[in-house]
Amino acid sequence: MTMLCDKCAKEMETIVCPHCEGEIAKIGAFCYLCGKELAVGEKSPEDPGEVDLSDRVPCSDGNCVGVINEKGLCGTCGKPYAPES
């Protein structure tokens, strides 16, 4: 099921609240019609779950907040990784 966003007119996935049975946009952990918590522990297909950030390599440009990808380039600014000498 889908519905259109009131602000941007994009299609949004909808679910039926198990408590009030209202059709709502899937945007949070609580129903915005009745206020009750929706299914806990249910993950959307886009949710990768727990992400391990311990092996990430930050961009070597001191002004960028990006991370170096598998090609050796920053995913934000596109600069190649330059390790400190």
N, C-alpha and C. Protein backbone atom coordinates (compact mmCIF):
# COMPACT_ATOMS: atom_id res chain seq x y z
N MET A 1 0.83 -1.16 0.00
CA MET A 1 0.00 0.00 0.00
C MET A 1 0.89 1.24 0.00
N THR A 2 0.44 2.28 -0.66
CA THR A 2 1.17 3.54 -0.68
C THR A 2 0.21 4.71 -0.54
N MET A 3 0.76 5.85 -0.13
CA MET A 3 0.00 7.09 -0.06
C MET A 3 0.94 8.22 -0.45
N LEU A 4 0.41 9.37 -0.80
CA LEU A 4 1.23 10.51 -1.17
C LEU A 4 1.50 11.38 0.05
N CYS A 5 2.74 11.86 0.15
CA CYS A 5 3.12 12.77 1.23
C CYS A 5 2.42 14.11 1.01
N ASP A 6 1.87 14.68 2.09
CA ASP A 6 1.17 15.96 2.00
C ASP A 6 2.12 17.10 1.65
N LYS A 7 3.39 17.00 2.00
CA LYS A 7 4.34 18.09 1.79
C LYS A 7 5.07 18.02 0.45
N CYS A 8 5.54 16.81 0.06
CA CYS A 8 6.37 16.71 -1.15
C CYS A 8 5.73 15.91 -2.28
N ALA A 9 4.60 15.29 -2.06
CA ALA A 9 3.84 14.50 -3.04
C ALA A 9 4.57 13.22 -3.47
N LYS A 10 5.59 12.78 -2.71
CA LYS A 10 6.24 11.50 -2.99
C LYS A 10 5.37 10.37 -2.45
N GLU A 11 5.50 9.21 -3.09
CA GLU A 11 4.78 8.04 -2.59
C GLU A 11 5.47 7.51 -1.34
N MET A 12 4.68 7.15 -0.35
CA MET A 12 5.20 6.61 0.90
C MET A 12 4.55 5.26 1.16
N GLU A 13 5.34 4.33 1.70
CA GLU A 13 4.81 3.02 2.06
C GLU A 13 3.87 3.17 3.25
N THR A 14 2.78 2.45 3.25
CA THR A 14 1.83 2.51 4.35
C THR A 14 1.69 1.15 5.02
N ILE A 15 1.23 1.18 6.25
CA ILE A 15 0.92 -0.04 6.99
C ILE A 15 -0.42 0.18 7.70
N VAL A 16 -1.01 -0.89 8.18
CA VAL A 16 -2.24 -0.79 8.95
C VAL A 16 -1.86 -0.97 10.41
N CYS A 17 -2.23 0.00 11.24
CA CYS A 17 -1.93 -0.07 12.67
C CYS A 17 -2.68 -1.26 13.27
N PRO A 18 -1.99 -2.12 14.01
CA PRO A 18 -2.65 -3.28 14.60
C PRO A 18 -3.59 -2.91 15.75
N HIS A 19 -3.51 -1.68 16.24
CA HIS A 19 -4.33 -1.26 17.37
C HIS A 19 -5.62 -0.56 16.92
N CYS A 20 -5.48 0.48 16.08
CA CYS A 20 -6.67 1.24 15.67
C CYS A 20 -7.13 0.89 14.26
N GLU A 21 -6.33 0.06 13.55
CA GLU A 21 -6.61 -0.40 12.19
C GLU A 21 -6.67 0.73 11.17
N GLY A 22 -6.04 1.87 11.50
CA GLY A 22 -5.94 2.97 10.55
C GLY A 22 -4.79 2.77 9.59
N GLU A 23 -4.95 3.18 8.35
CA GLU A 23 -3.86 3.09 7.37
C GLU A 23 -2.98 4.32 7.57
N ILE A 24 -1.70 4.07 7.88
CA ILE A 24 -0.77 5.16 8.18
C ILE A 24 0.51 5.01 7.36
N ALA A 25 1.20 6.13 7.15
CA ALA A 25 2.51 6.08 6.49
C ALA A 25 3.50 5.43 7.44
N LYS A 26 4.38 4.61 6.88
CA LYS A 26 5.37 3.90 7.69
C LYS A 26 6.55 4.83 7.92
N ILE A 27 6.44 5.69 8.95
CA ILE A 27 7.48 6.69 9.19
C ILE A 27 8.01 6.70 10.61
N GLY A 28 7.54 5.85 11.45
CA GLY A 28 8.03 5.87 12.83
C GLY A 28 7.66 4.61 13.58
N ALA A 29 8.01 4.62 14.87
CA ALA A 29 7.77 3.47 15.72
C ALA A 29 6.39 3.51 16.37
N PHE A 30 5.67 4.65 16.24
CA PHE A 30 4.36 4.80 16.86
C PHE A 30 3.33 5.21 15.83
N CYS A 31 2.11 4.79 16.04
CA CYS A 31 1.00 5.18 15.17
C CYS A 31 0.68 6.64 15.44
N TYR A 32 0.60 7.45 14.39
CA TYR A 32 0.29 8.86 14.60
C TYR A 32 -1.21 9.12 14.69
N LEU A 33 -2.03 8.08 14.61
CA LEU A 33 -3.47 8.23 14.81
C LEU A 33 -3.87 7.92 16.26
N CYS A 34 -3.34 6.80 16.79
CA CYS A 34 -3.73 6.40 18.15
C CYS A 34 -2.59 6.54 19.17
N GLY A 35 -1.36 6.69 18.70
CA GLY A 35 -0.23 6.88 19.60
C GLY A 35 0.39 5.62 20.15
N LYS A 36 -0.14 4.47 19.79
CA LYS A 36 0.40 3.22 20.33
C LYS A 36 1.60 2.76 19.52
N GLU A 37 2.47 1.99 20.19
CA GLU A 37 3.69 1.50 19.56
C GLU A 37 3.36 0.46 18.51
N LEU A 38 4.03 0.58 17.37
CA LEU A 38 3.87 -0.40 16.29
C LEU A 38 4.76 -1.59 16.58
N ALA A 39 4.77 -2.60 15.73
CA ALA A 39 5.53 -3.83 15.92
C ALA A 39 6.99 -3.51 16.23
N VAL A 40 7.47 -3.99 17.36
CA VAL A 40 8.85 -3.77 17.80
C VAL A 40 9.74 -4.83 17.17
N GLY A 41 10.94 -4.42 16.75
CA GLY A 41 11.90 -5.34 16.19
C GLY A 41 11.71 -5.62 14.71
N GLU A 42 10.68 -5.07 14.11
CA GLU A 42 10.44 -5.25 12.69
C GLU A 42 11.37 -4.31 11.92
N LYS A 43 12.14 -4.85 10.99
CA LYS A 43 13.08 -4.03 10.22
C LYS A 43 12.56 -3.85 8.81
N SER A 44 12.75 -2.66 8.28
CA SER A 44 12.39 -2.41 6.90
C SER A 44 13.48 -2.97 6.00
N PRO A 45 13.21 -3.22 4.72
CA PRO A 45 14.22 -3.76 3.82
C PRO A 45 15.44 -2.86 3.69
N GLU A 46 15.27 -1.54 3.91
CA GLU A 46 16.39 -0.61 3.79
C GLU A 46 17.25 -0.57 5.04
N ASP A 47 16.76 -1.11 6.16
CA ASP A 47 17.47 -1.05 7.43
C ASP A 47 18.53 -2.14 7.47
N PRO A 48 19.82 -1.76 7.48
CA PRO A 48 20.87 -2.77 7.50
C PRO A 48 21.08 -3.38 8.87
N GLY A 49 20.40 -2.88 9.90
CA GLY A 49 20.59 -3.38 11.25
C GLY A 49 21.82 -2.75 11.87
N GLU A 50 22.55 -3.51 12.67
CA GLU A 50 23.76 -3.01 13.33
C GLU A 50 24.87 -2.83 12.29
N VAL A 51 25.48 -1.66 12.28
CA VAL A 51 26.54 -1.36 11.33
C VAL A 51 27.87 -1.29 12.06
N ASP A 52 28.87 -2.01 11.57
CA ASP A 52 30.20 -2.00 12.17
C ASP A 52 31.02 -0.88 11.54
N LEU A 53 31.35 0.14 12.32
CA LEU A 53 32.10 1.28 11.80
C LEU A 53 33.58 1.22 12.18
N SER A 54 34.03 0.14 12.80
CA SER A 54 35.39 0.06 13.29
C SER A 54 36.44 -0.01 12.18
N ASP A 55 36.07 -0.49 11.00
CA ASP A 55 37.06 -0.62 9.92
C ASP A 55 36.96 0.48 8.87
N ARG A 56 36.18 1.53 9.11
CA ARG A 56 36.06 2.62 8.14
C ARG A 56 37.31 3.48 8.16
N VAL A 57 37.62 4.07 7.02
CA VAL A 57 38.77 4.95 6.88
C VAL A 57 38.26 6.33 6.55
N PRO A 58 38.48 7.32 7.43
CA PRO A 58 37.99 8.67 7.14
C PRO A 58 38.79 9.32 6.01
N CYS A 59 38.15 10.27 5.34
CA CYS A 59 38.80 11.00 4.25
C CYS A 59 40.04 11.71 4.80
N SER A 60 41.12 11.71 4.02
CA SER A 60 42.36 12.33 4.46
C SER A 60 42.35 13.85 4.30
N ASP A 61 41.35 14.40 3.61
CA ASP A 61 41.20 15.85 3.50
C ASP A 61 40.64 16.34 4.84
N GLY A 62 41.32 17.20 5.51
CA GLY A 62 40.93 17.66 6.84
C GLY A 62 39.62 18.42 6.89
N ASN A 63 39.08 18.82 5.74
CA ASN A 63 37.83 19.58 5.70
C ASN A 63 36.62 18.73 5.33
N CYS A 64 36.81 17.44 5.06
CA CYS A 64 35.74 16.56 4.60
C CYS A 64 35.37 15.57 5.69
N VAL A 65 34.11 15.20 5.74
CA VAL A 65 33.63 14.23 6.73
C VAL A 65 33.34 12.87 6.10
N GLY A 66 33.75 12.68 4.85
CA GLY A 66 33.47 11.45 4.13
C GLY A 66 34.31 10.27 4.59
N VAL A 67 34.02 9.11 4.00
CA VAL A 67 34.71 7.86 4.30
C VAL A 67 35.24 7.29 2.98
N ILE A 68 36.43 6.71 3.03
CA ILE A 68 37.06 6.12 1.85
C ILE A 68 36.34 4.82 1.49
N ASN A 69 35.99 4.69 0.20
CA ASN A 69 35.28 3.49 -0.25
C ASN A 69 36.26 2.43 -0.74
N GLU A 70 35.73 1.32 -1.26
CA GLU A 70 36.57 0.19 -1.70
C GLU A 70 37.46 0.53 -2.89
N LYS A 71 37.18 1.64 -3.60
CA LYS A 71 38.00 2.07 -4.72
C LYS A 71 39.11 3.02 -4.29
N GLY A 72 39.19 3.33 -2.99
CA GLY A 72 40.21 4.23 -2.48
C GLY A 72 39.86 5.70 -2.62
N LEU A 73 38.59 5.99 -2.90
CA LEU A 73 38.13 7.36 -3.07
C LEU A 73 37.15 7.73 -1.96
N CYS A 74 37.12 9.02 -1.62
CA CYS A 74 36.16 9.49 -0.63
C CYS A 74 34.77 9.46 -1.24
N GLY A 75 33.81 8.92 -0.50
CA GLY A 75 32.44 8.84 -0.98
C GLY A 75 31.74 10.19 -0.99
N THR A 76 32.29 11.20 -0.32
CA THR A 76 31.68 12.52 -0.26
C THR A 76 32.32 13.49 -1.25
N CYS A 77 33.64 13.66 -1.17
CA CYS A 77 34.30 14.67 -2.01
C CYS A 77 34.97 14.06 -3.24
N GLY A 78 35.15 12.73 -3.27
CA GLY A 78 35.71 12.07 -4.44
C GLY A 78 37.22 12.06 -4.52
N LYS A 79 37.91 12.68 -3.55
CA LYS A 79 39.38 12.71 -3.56
C LYS A 79 39.94 11.35 -3.19
N PRO A 80 41.10 10.99 -3.79
CA PRO A 80 41.73 9.72 -3.43
C PRO A 80 42.33 9.80 -2.03
N TYR A 81 42.42 8.64 -1.37
CA TYR A 81 42.99 8.58 -0.03
C TYR A 81 44.48 8.86 -0.09
N ALA A 82 44.96 9.75 0.76
CA ALA A 82 46.38 10.09 0.86
C ALA A 82 46.81 9.88 2.30
N PRO A 83 47.40 8.69 2.59
CA PRO A 83 47.80 8.42 3.98
C PRO A 83 48.87 9.42 4.44
N GLU A 84 48.86 9.69 5.74
CA GLU A 84 49.86 10.61 6.30
C GLU A 84 51.24 10.02 6.17
N SER A 85 52.21 10.86 5.86
CA SER A 85 53.60 10.38 5.70
C SER A 85 54.35 10.49 6.99
